[in-house]
Amino acid sequence: MARKKAALDFEQSIADLQNLVERLENGELSLEDSLGAFEQGIRLTRDCQAALSQAEQKVQILLERDGETEEAPFETDPEA
């Protein structure tokens, strides 16, 4: 269930980021609204990068198990 939630959060973050980019590219936002959207975009980008990094770590752990696909715990950096 946690994997599904993380995937949904990632997918939602990507969709929100795409929406923000479209709004910014449209050019109809005020400077203040543009800055707020940019800040939100930076947060979403960092969240997506952290999710991708965690997925990459998990794949790396699975590949390093002598050809066996056993899961192994790994530490996540909550400040990433």
PDB file of N, CA and C in Angstrom:
ATOM      1  N   MET A   1       0.819  -1.181   0.000  1.00  0.00           N
ATOM      2  CA  MET A   1       0.000   0.000   0.000  1.00  0.00           C
ATOM      3  C   MET A   1       0.869   1.253   0.000  1.00  0.00           C
ATOM      4  N   ALA A   2       1.987   1.243   0.725  1.00  0.00           N
ATOM      5  CA  ALA A   2       2.876   2.407   0.781  1.00  0.00           C
ATOM      6  C   ALA A   2       3.475   2.699  -0.585  1.00  0.00           C
ATOM      7  N   ARG A   3       3.811   1.633  -1.341  1.00  0.00           N
ATOM      8  CA  ARG A   3       4.367   1.825  -2.678  1.00  0.00           C
ATOM      9  C   ARG A   3       3.358   2.514  -3.590  1.00  0.00           C
ATOM     10  N   LYS A   4       2.107   2.093  -3.495  1.00  0.00           N
ATOM     11  CA  LYS A   4       1.058   2.673  -4.323  1.00  0.00           C
ATOM     12  C   LYS A   4       0.892   4.148  -3.997  1.00  0.00           C
ATOM     13  N   LYS A   5       0.906   4.500  -2.706  1.00  0.00           N
ATOM     14  CA  LYS A   5       0.758   5.888  -2.278  1.00  0.00           C
ATOM     15  C   LYS A   5       1.929   6.714  -2.776  1.00  0.00           C
ATOM     16  N   ALA A   6       3.136   6.189  -2.669  1.00  0.00           N
ATOM     17  CA  ALA A   6       4.321   6.913  -3.139  1.00  0.00           C
ATOM     18  C   ALA A   6       4.250   7.135  -4.644  1.00  0.00           C
ATOM     19  N   ALA A   7       3.807   6.124  -5.377  1.00  0.00           N
ATOM     20  CA  ALA A   7       3.685   6.263  -6.821  1.00  0.00           C
ATOM     21  C   ALA A   7       2.624   7.294  -7.172  1.00  0.00           C
ATOM     22  N   LEU A   8       1.513   7.267  -6.446  1.00  0.00           N
ATOM     23  CA  LEU A   8       0.463   8.250  -6.688  1.00  0.00           C
ATOM     24  C   LEU A   8       0.937   9.658  -6.341  1.00  0.00           C
ATOM     25  N   ASP A   9       1.666   9.797  -5.231  1.00  0.00           N
ATOM     26  CA  ASP A   9       2.211  11.100  -4.859  1.00  0.00           C
ATOM     27  C   ASP A   9       3.165  11.608  -5.931  1.00  0.00           C
ATOM     28  N   PHE A  10       4.007  10.723  -6.445  1.00  0.00           N
ATOM     29  CA  PHE A  10       4.958  11.113  -7.487  1.00  0.00           C
ATOM     30  C   PHE A  10       4.201  11.537  -8.738  1.00  0.00           C
ATOM     31  N   GLU A  11       3.245  10.730  -9.157  1.00  0.00           N
ATOM     32  CA  GLU A  11       2.468  11.049 -10.354  1.00  0.00           C
ATOM     33  C   GLU A  11       1.710  12.363 -10.180  1.00  0.00           C
ATOM     34  N   GLN A  12       1.150  12.586  -8.995  1.00  0.00           N
ATOM     35  CA  GLN A  12       0.419  13.828  -8.738  1.00  0.00           C
ATOM     36  C   GLN A  12       1.374  15.017  -8.740  1.00  0.00           C
ATOM     37  N   SER A  13       2.550  14.843  -8.174  1.00  0.00           N
ATOM     38  CA  SER A  13       3.546  15.919  -8.163  1.00  0.00           C
ATOM     39  C   SER A  13       3.971  16.281  -9.584  1.00  0.00           C
ATOM     40  N   ILE A  14       4.161  15.285 -10.426  1.00  0.00           N
ATOM     41  CA  ILE A  14       4.524  15.540 -11.826  1.00  0.00           C
ATOM     42  C   ILE A  14       3.399  16.299 -12.524  1.00  0.00           C
ATOM     43  N   ALA A  15       2.153  15.870 -12.306  1.00  0.00           N
ATOM     44  CA  ALA A  15       1.008  16.540 -12.930  1.00  0.00           C
ATOM     45  C   ALA A  15       0.893  17.978 -12.446  1.00  0.00           C
ATOM     46  N   ASP A  16       1.080  18.188 -11.139  1.00  0.00           N
ATOM     47  CA  ASP A  16       1.033  19.549 -10.592  1.00  0.00           C
ATOM     48  C   ASP A  16       2.145  20.407 -11.171  1.00  0.00           C
ATOM     49  N   LEU A  17       3.322  19.819 -11.314  1.00  0.00           N
ATOM     50  CA  LEU A  17       4.456  20.552 -11.875  1.00  0.00           C
ATOM     51  C   LEU A  17       4.186  20.948 -13.331  1.00  0.00           C
ATOM     52  N   GLN A  18       3.629  20.031 -14.100  1.00  0.00           N
ATOM     53  CA  GLN A  18       3.294  20.345 -15.491  1.00  0.00           C
ATOM     54  C   GLN A  18       2.258  21.466 -15.563  1.00  0.00           C
ATOM     55  N   ASN A  19       1.287  21.432 -14.673  1.00  0.00           N
ATOM     56  CA  ASN A  19       0.270  22.474 -14.623  1.00  0.00           C
ATOM     57  C   ASN A  19       0.900  23.831 -14.303  1.00  0.00           C
ATOM     58  N   LEU A  20       1.808  23.847 -13.337  1.00  0.00           N
ATOM     59  CA  LEU A  20       2.491  25.093 -12.984  1.00  0.00           C
ATOM     60  C   LEU A  20       3.293  25.644 -14.157  1.00  0.00           C
ATOM     61  N   VAL A  21       3.995  24.782 -14.852  1.00  0.00           N
ATOM     62  CA  VAL A  21       4.790  25.215 -16.002  1.00  0.00           C
ATOM     63  C   VAL A  21       3.890  25.828 -17.065  1.00  0.00           C
ATOM     64  N   GLU A  22       2.756  25.196 -17.315  1.00  0.00           N
ATOM     65  CA  GLU A  22       1.823  25.733 -18.309  1.00  0.00           C
ATOM     66  C   GLU A  22       1.314  27.110 -17.902  1.00  0.00           C
ATOM     67  N   ARG A  23       0.999  27.252 -16.613  1.00  0.00           N
ATOM     68  CA  ARG A  23       0.520  28.558 -16.129  1.00  0.00           C
ATOM     69  C   ARG A  23       1.604  29.621 -16.239  1.00  0.00           C
ATOM     70  N   LEU A  24       2.828  29.254 -15.926  1.00  0.00           N
ATOM     71  CA  LEU A  24       3.930  30.208 -16.030  1.00  0.00           C
ATOM     72  C   LEU A  24       4.215  30.579 -17.479  1.00  0.00           C
ATOM     73  N   GLU A  25       4.186  29.592 -18.364  1.00  0.00           N
ATOM     74  CA  GLU A  25       4.446  29.850 -19.777  1.00  0.00           C
ATOM     75  C   GLU A  25       3.344  30.682 -20.419  1.00  0.00           C
ATOM     76  N   ASN A  26       2.131  30.575 -19.882  1.00  0.00           N
ATOM     77  CA  ASN A  26       1.002  31.330 -20.406  1.00  0.00           C
ATOM     78  C   ASN A  26       1.238  32.837 -20.265  1.00  0.00           C
ATOM     79  N   GLY A  27       1.948  33.234 -19.218  1.00  0.00           N
ATOM     80  CA  GLY A  27       2.321  34.635 -19.046  1.00  0.00           C
ATOM     81  C   GLY A  27       1.224  35.521 -18.495  1.00  0.00           C
ATOM     82  N   GLU A  28       0.141  34.960 -17.991  1.00  0.00           N
ATOM     83  CA  GLU A  28      -0.961  35.767 -17.490  1.00  0.00           C
ATOM     84  C   GLU A  28      -0.933  35.943 -15.974  1.00  0.00           C
ATOM     85  N   LEU A  29       0.042  35.370 -15.304  1.00  0.00           N
ATOM     86  CA  LEU A  29       0.144  35.504 -13.850  1.00  0.00           C
ATOM     87  C   LEU A  29       0.841  36.811 -13.503  1.00  0.00           C
ATOM     88  N   SER A  30       0.463  37.380 -12.363  1.00  0.00           N
ATOM     89  CA  SER A  30       1.172  38.558 -11.869  1.00  0.00           C
ATOM     90  C   SER A  30       2.567  38.137 -11.411  1.00  0.00           C
ATOM     91  N   LEU A  31       3.417  39.093 -11.164  1.00  0.00           N
ATOM     92  CA  LEU A  31       4.769  38.782 -10.700  1.00  0.00           C
ATOM     93  C   LEU A  31       4.716  38.015  -9.386  1.00  0.00           C
ATOM     94  N   GLU A  32       3.867  38.457  -8.474  1.00  0.00           N
ATOM     95  CA  GLU A  32       3.755  37.787  -7.175  1.00  0.00           C
ATOM     96  C   GLU A  32       3.246  36.355  -7.341  1.00  0.00           C
ATOM     97  N   ASP A  33       2.233  36.162  -8.180  1.00  0.00           N
ATOM     98  CA  ASP A  33       1.713  34.817  -8.426  1.00  0.00           C
ATOM     99  C   ASP A  33       2.751  33.945  -9.134  1.00  0.00           C
ATOM    100  N   SER A  34       3.511  34.546 -10.038  1.00  0.00           N
ATOM    101  CA  SER A  34       4.567  33.804 -10.741  1.00  0.00           C
ATOM    102  C   SER A  34       5.637  33.334  -9.770  1.00  0.00           C
ATOM    103  N   LEU A  35       6.014  34.206  -8.844  1.00  0.00           N
ATOM    104  CA  LEU A  35       7.017  33.817  -7.849  1.00  0.00           C
ATOM    105  C   LEU A  35       6.493  32.703  -6.951  1.00  0.00           C
ATOM    106  N   GLY A  36       5.233  32.796  -6.545  1.00  0.00           N
ATOM    107  CA  GLY A  36       4.637  31.736  -5.725  1.00  0.00           C
ATOM    108  C   GLY A  36       4.597  30.416  -6.479  1.00  0.00           C
ATOM    109  N   ALA A  37       4.219  30.467  -7.755  1.00  0.00           N
ATOM    110  CA  ALA A  37       4.171  29.260  -8.574  1.00  0.00           C
ATOM    111  C   ALA A  37       5.570  28.689  -8.757  1.00  0.00           C
ATOM    112  N   PHE A  38       6.548  29.566  -8.938  1.00  0.00           N
ATOM    113  CA  PHE A  38       7.931  29.113  -9.092  1.00  0.00           C
ATOM    114  C   PHE A  38       8.409  28.416  -7.819  1.00  0.00           C
ATOM    115  N   GLU A  39       8.119  28.993  -6.661  1.00  0.00           N
ATOM    116  CA  GLU A  39       8.508  28.377  -5.388  1.00  0.00           C
ATOM    117  C   GLU A  39       7.854  27.008  -5.226  1.00  0.00           C
ATOM    118  N   GLN A  40       6.568  26.913  -5.561  1.00  0.00           N
ATOM    119  CA  GLN A  40       5.873  25.637  -5.472  1.00  0.00           C
ATOM    120  C   GLN A  40       6.494  24.632  -6.440  1.00  0.00           C
ATOM    121  N   GLY A  41       6.871  25.096  -7.625  1.00  0.00           N
ATOM    122  CA  GLY A  41       7.517  24.235  -8.609  1.00  0.00           C
ATOM    123  C   GLY A  41       8.846  23.692  -8.114  1.00  0.00           C
ATOM    124  N   ILE A  42       9.602  24.537  -7.441  1.00  0.00           N
ATOM    125  CA  ILE A  42      10.889  24.098  -6.877  1.00  0.00           C
ATOM    126  C   ILE A  42      10.647  23.007  -5.835  1.00  0.00           C
ATOM    127  N   ARG A  43       9.652  23.192  -4.964  1.00  0.00           N
ATOM    128  CA  ARG A  43       9.339  22.172  -3.948  1.00  0.00           C
ATOM    129  C   ARG A  43       8.920  20.859  -4.612  1.00  0.00           C
ATOM    130  N   LEU A  44       8.056  20.956  -5.615  1.00  0.00           N
ATOM    131  CA  LEU A  44       7.608  19.752  -6.318  1.00  0.00           C
ATOM    132  C   LEU A  44       8.774  19.050  -7.006  1.00  0.00           C
ATOM    133  N   THR A  45       9.656  19.831  -7.614  1.00  0.00           N
ATOM    134  CA  THR A  45      10.828  19.259  -8.281  1.00  0.00           C
ATOM    135  C   THR A  45      11.701  18.509  -7.292  1.00  0.00           C
ATOM    136  N   ARG A  46      11.919  19.093  -6.135  1.00  0.00           N
ATOM    137  CA  ARG A  46      12.740  18.433  -5.107  1.00  0.00           C
ATOM    138  C   ARG A  46      12.077  17.157  -4.608  1.00  0.00           C
ATOM    139  N   ASP A  47      10.756  17.196  -4.421  1.00  0.00           N
ATOM    140  CA  ASP A  47      10.031  15.997  -3.999  1.00  0.00           C
ATOM    141  C   ASP A  47      10.171  14.885  -5.045  1.00  0.00           C
ATOM    142  N   CYS A  48      10.031  15.256  -6.320  1.00  0.00           N
ATOM    143  CA  CYS A  48      10.149  14.268  -7.398  1.00  0.00           C
ATOM    144  C   CYS A  48      11.566  13.708  -7.473  1.00  0.00           C
ATOM    145  N   GLN A  49      12.560  14.579  -7.314  1.00  0.00           N
ATOM    146  CA  GLN A  49      13.942  14.116  -7.343  1.00  0.00           C
ATOM    147  C   GLN A  49      14.215  13.159  -6.195  1.00  0.00           C
ATOM    148  N   ALA A  50      13.662  13.436  -5.023  1.00  0.00           N
ATOM    149  CA  ALA A  50      13.855  12.549  -3.875  1.00  0.00           C
ATOM    150  C   ALA A  50      13.204  11.192  -4.130  1.00  0.00           C
ATOM    151  N   ALA A  51      12.000  11.204  -4.696  1.00  0.00           N
ATOM    152  CA  ALA A  51      11.305   9.947  -4.995  1.00  0.00           C
ATOM    153  C   ALA A  51      12.083   9.134  -6.023  1.00  0.00           C
ATOM    154  N   LEU A  52      12.608   9.801  -7.041  1.00  0.00           N
ATOM    155  CA  LEU A  52      13.399   9.098  -8.054  1.00  0.00           C
ATOM    156  C   LEU A  52      14.693   8.551  -7.468  1.00  0.00           C
ATOM    157  N   SER A  53      15.304   9.303  -6.582  1.00  0.00           N
ATOM    158  CA  SER A  53      16.534   8.848  -5.942  1.00  0.00           C
ATOM    159  C   SER A  53      16.274   7.602  -5.090  1.00  0.00           C
ATOM    160  N   GLN A  54      15.171   7.594  -4.360  1.00  0.00           N
ATOM    161  CA  GLN A  54      14.821   6.429  -3.551  1.00  0.00           C
ATOM    162  C   GLN A  54      14.546   5.222  -4.438  1.00  0.00           C
ATOM    163  N   ALA A  55      13.859   5.431  -5.535  1.00  0.00           N
ATOM    164  CA  ALA A  55      13.586   4.323  -6.457  1.00  0.00           C
ATOM    165  C   ALA A  55      14.886   3.794  -7.043  1.00  0.00           C
ATOM    166  N   GLU A  56      15.797   4.690  -7.374  1.00  0.00           N
ATOM    167  CA  GLU A  56      17.093   4.273  -7.920  1.00  0.00           C
ATOM    168  C   GLU A  56      17.878   3.465  -6.895  1.00  0.00           C
ATOM    169  N   GLN A  57      17.845   3.888  -5.639  1.00  0.00           N
ATOM    170  CA  GLN A  57      18.529   3.149  -4.578  1.00  0.00           C
ATOM    171  C   GLN A  57      17.958   1.743  -4.440  1.00  0.00           C
ATOM    172  N   LYS A  58      16.638   1.650  -4.503  1.00  0.00           N
ATOM    173  CA  LYS A  58      16.005   0.336  -4.364  1.00  0.00           C
ATOM    174  C   LYS A  58      16.391  -0.574  -5.527  1.00  0.00           C
ATOM    175  N   VAL A  59      16.391  -0.040  -6.731  1.00  0.00           N
ATOM    176  CA  VAL A  59      16.799  -0.822  -7.905  1.00  0.00           C
ATOM    177  C   VAL A  59      18.241  -1.270  -7.746  1.00  0.00           C
ATOM    178  N   GLN A  60      19.107  -0.376  -7.297  1.00  0.00           N
ATOM    179  CA  GLN A  60      20.517  -0.715  -7.112  1.00  0.00           C
ATOM    180  C   GLN A  60      20.682  -1.838  -6.091  1.00  0.00           C
ATOM    181  N   ILE A  61      19.922  -1.767  -4.996  1.00  0.00           N
ATOM    182  CA  ILE A  61      19.988  -2.813  -3.977  1.00  0.00           C
ATOM    183  C   ILE A  61      19.546  -4.149  -4.566  1.00  0.00           C
ATOM    184  N   LEU A  62      18.473  -4.123  -5.343  1.00  0.00           N
ATOM    185  CA  LEU A  62      17.976  -5.368  -5.942  1.00  0.00           C
ATOM    186  C   LEU A  62      18.979  -5.951  -6.925  1.00  0.00           C
ATOM    187  N   LEU A  63      19.665  -5.116  -7.668  1.00  0.00           N
ATOM    188  CA  LEU A  63      20.625  -5.600  -8.660  1.00  0.00           C
ATOM    189  C   LEU A  63      21.914  -6.123  -8.033  1.00  0.00           C
ATOM    190  N   GLU A  64      22.234  -5.697  -6.837  1.00  0.00           N
ATOM    191  CA  GLU A  64      23.481  -6.090  -6.190  1.00  0.00           C
ATOM    192  C   GLU A  64      23.345  -7.342  -5.324  1.00  0.00           C
ATOM    193  N   ARG A  65      22.291  -8.087  -5.479  1.00  0.00           N
ATOM    194  CA  ARG A  65      22.053  -9.261  -4.635  1.00  0.00           C
ATOM    195  C   ARG A  65      22.460 -10.551  -5.320  1.00  0.00           C
ATOM    196  N   ASP A  66      23.613 -10.625  -5.928  1.00  0.00           N
ATOM    197  CA  ASP A  66      24.125 -11.845  -6.561  1.00  0.00           C
ATOM    198  C   ASP A  66      23.104 -12.467  -7.515  1.00  0.00           C
ATOM    199  N   GLY A  67      22.444 -11.644  -8.258  1.00  0.00           N
ATOM    200  CA  GLY A  67      21.489 -12.144  -9.231  1.00  0.00           C
ATOM    201  C   GLY A  67      20.122 -12.488  -8.655  1.00  0.00           C
ATOM    202  N   GLU A  68      19.990 -12.447  -7.341  1.00  0.00           N
ATOM    203  CA  GLU A  68      18.707 -12.726  -6.702  1.00  0.00           C
ATOM    204  C   GLU A  68      17.979 -11.410  -6.481  1.00  0.00           C
ATOM    205  N   THR A  69      16.681 -11.434  -6.658  1.00  0.00           N
ATOM    206  CA  THR A  69      15.912 -10.210  -6.484  1.00  0.00           C
ATOM    207  C   THR A  69      15.245 -10.170  -5.119  1.00  0.00           C
ATOM    208  N   GLU A  70      16.062 -10.134  -4.088  1.00  0.00           N
ATOM    209  CA  GLU A  70      15.569  -9.992  -2.723  1.00  0.00           C
ATOM    210  C   GLU A  70      15.567  -8.523  -2.359  1.00  0.00           C
ATOM    211  N   GLU A  71      14.525  -8.123  -1.629  1.00  0.00           N
ATOM    212  CA  GLU A  71      14.483  -6.752  -1.157  1.00  0.00           C
ATOM    213  C   GLU A  71      15.353  -6.635   0.086  1.00  0.00           C
ATOM    214  N   ALA A  72      15.976  -5.465   0.235  1.00  0.00           N
ATOM    215  CA  ALA A  72      16.774  -5.185   1.413  1.00  0.00           C
ATOM    216  C   ALA A  72      16.473  -3.761   1.857  1.00  0.00           C
ATOM    217  N   PRO A  73      16.411  -3.507   3.149  1.00  0.00           N
ATOM    218  CA  PRO A  73      16.110  -2.151   3.622  1.00  0.00           C
ATOM    219  C   PRO A  73      17.256  -1.197   3.303  1.00  0.00           C
ATOM    220  N   PHE A  74      16.920   0.044   3.107  1.00  0.00           N
ATOM    221  CA  PHE A  74      17.937   1.079   2.922  1.00  0.00           C
ATOM    222  C   PHE A  74      17.468   2.328   3.632  1.00  0.00           C
ATOM    223  N   GLU A  75      18.411   3.155   3.994  1.00  0.00           N
ATOM    224  CA  GLU A  75      18.109   4.379   4.714  1.00  0.00           C
ATOM    225  C   GLU A  75      17.707   5.467   3.722  1.00  0.00           C
ATOM    226  N   THR A  76      16.663   6.220   4.076  1.00  0.00           N
ATOM    227  CA  THR A  76      16.264   7.350   3.256  1.00  0.00           C
ATOM    228  C   THR A  76      16.661   8.626   3.968  1.00  0.00           C
ATOM    229  N   ASP A  77      16.919   9.625   3.196  1.00  0.00           N
ATOM    230  CA  ASP A  77      17.292  10.919   3.743  1.00  0.00           C
ATOM    231  C   ASP A  77      16.045  11.800   3.729  1.00  0.00           C
ATOM    232  N   PRO A  78      15.410  12.019   4.899  1.00  0.00           N
ATOM    233  CA  PRO A  78      14.168  12.777   4.923  1.00  0.00           C
ATOM    234  C   PRO A  78      14.349  14.237   4.514  1.00  0.00           C
ATOM    235  N   GLU A  79      15.578  14.743   4.491  1.00  0.00           N
ATOM    236  CA  GLU A  79      15.822  16.124   4.111  1.00  0.00           C
ATOM    237  C   GLU A  79      16.213  16.269   2.660  1.00  0.00           C
ATOM    238  N   ALA A  80      16.119  15.205   1.870  1.00  0.00           N
ATOM    239  CA  ALA A  80      16.497  15.262   0.456  1.00  0.00           C
ATOM    240  C   ALA A  80      15.493  16.011  -0.360  1.00  0.00           C
TER     241      ALA A  80
END
